Amino acid sequence: MKHLTSQVKQQQLEWRRAQVLELASEGYTQREIASKLQVDLAAVNRDIHFLRKQAQDNLEHHIRQTLPEEYQRCMIGMKRNLKQTLEIAETTTDPKVKLQARAIANDCYKYIMDLTTNGTIISDSITYVKAKTNQLKSKPEPKPEIKQDNDPEQSELDINPDQPTHNSIF
């Protein structure tokens, strides 16, 4: 019975976090979300803090695991296409096919060059994520603070005022 209760609570928490994420993505403020879901503002603040951390973890995984693997696949695929296209260009006797194969080969070269030169972006991203991860591991987690002023326009909580955000959520 106790396990069932904790499982239900976990499902409720996951549901609420999904609702918080959806409402936040629709532009609702934390106060509006709390009111709409009929929960405490601090709970919404904790949920947003959790969702932000989850997003960072997902992005880090994407940069460390998915991106390099996809980059490798694309590079191998383009080199294979280039090789086959050049073989067609060399073995065909039809001048139109030869020209088309050469044009495709040129496109392959462009894509390979693009992947190669943009590969530094991937490397820079991985380096950035590693540095941020080390930075996060080395400093204690800040406690969320609720602003106590009576400004009715004030609708957000300060989690980390030094951290820039693009949409006031993440």
Foldseek 3Di string as FASTA:
>chain_A
DVVVVVVVVVVVLVVLLVQLVVVVVVPDFLQRSCVVVVHDSVSSVVSLVVVVVVVLVVVLCCLVPVVVVVLVVVLVVLVVLLVVLVVQLVPDPDPVSVVVSVVVNVVSVVVNVVSVVCVVVSVVVNVVSVVVVVVPVVDDQADWDADDDPPPVDRHTPRDVVDDDDSSRD
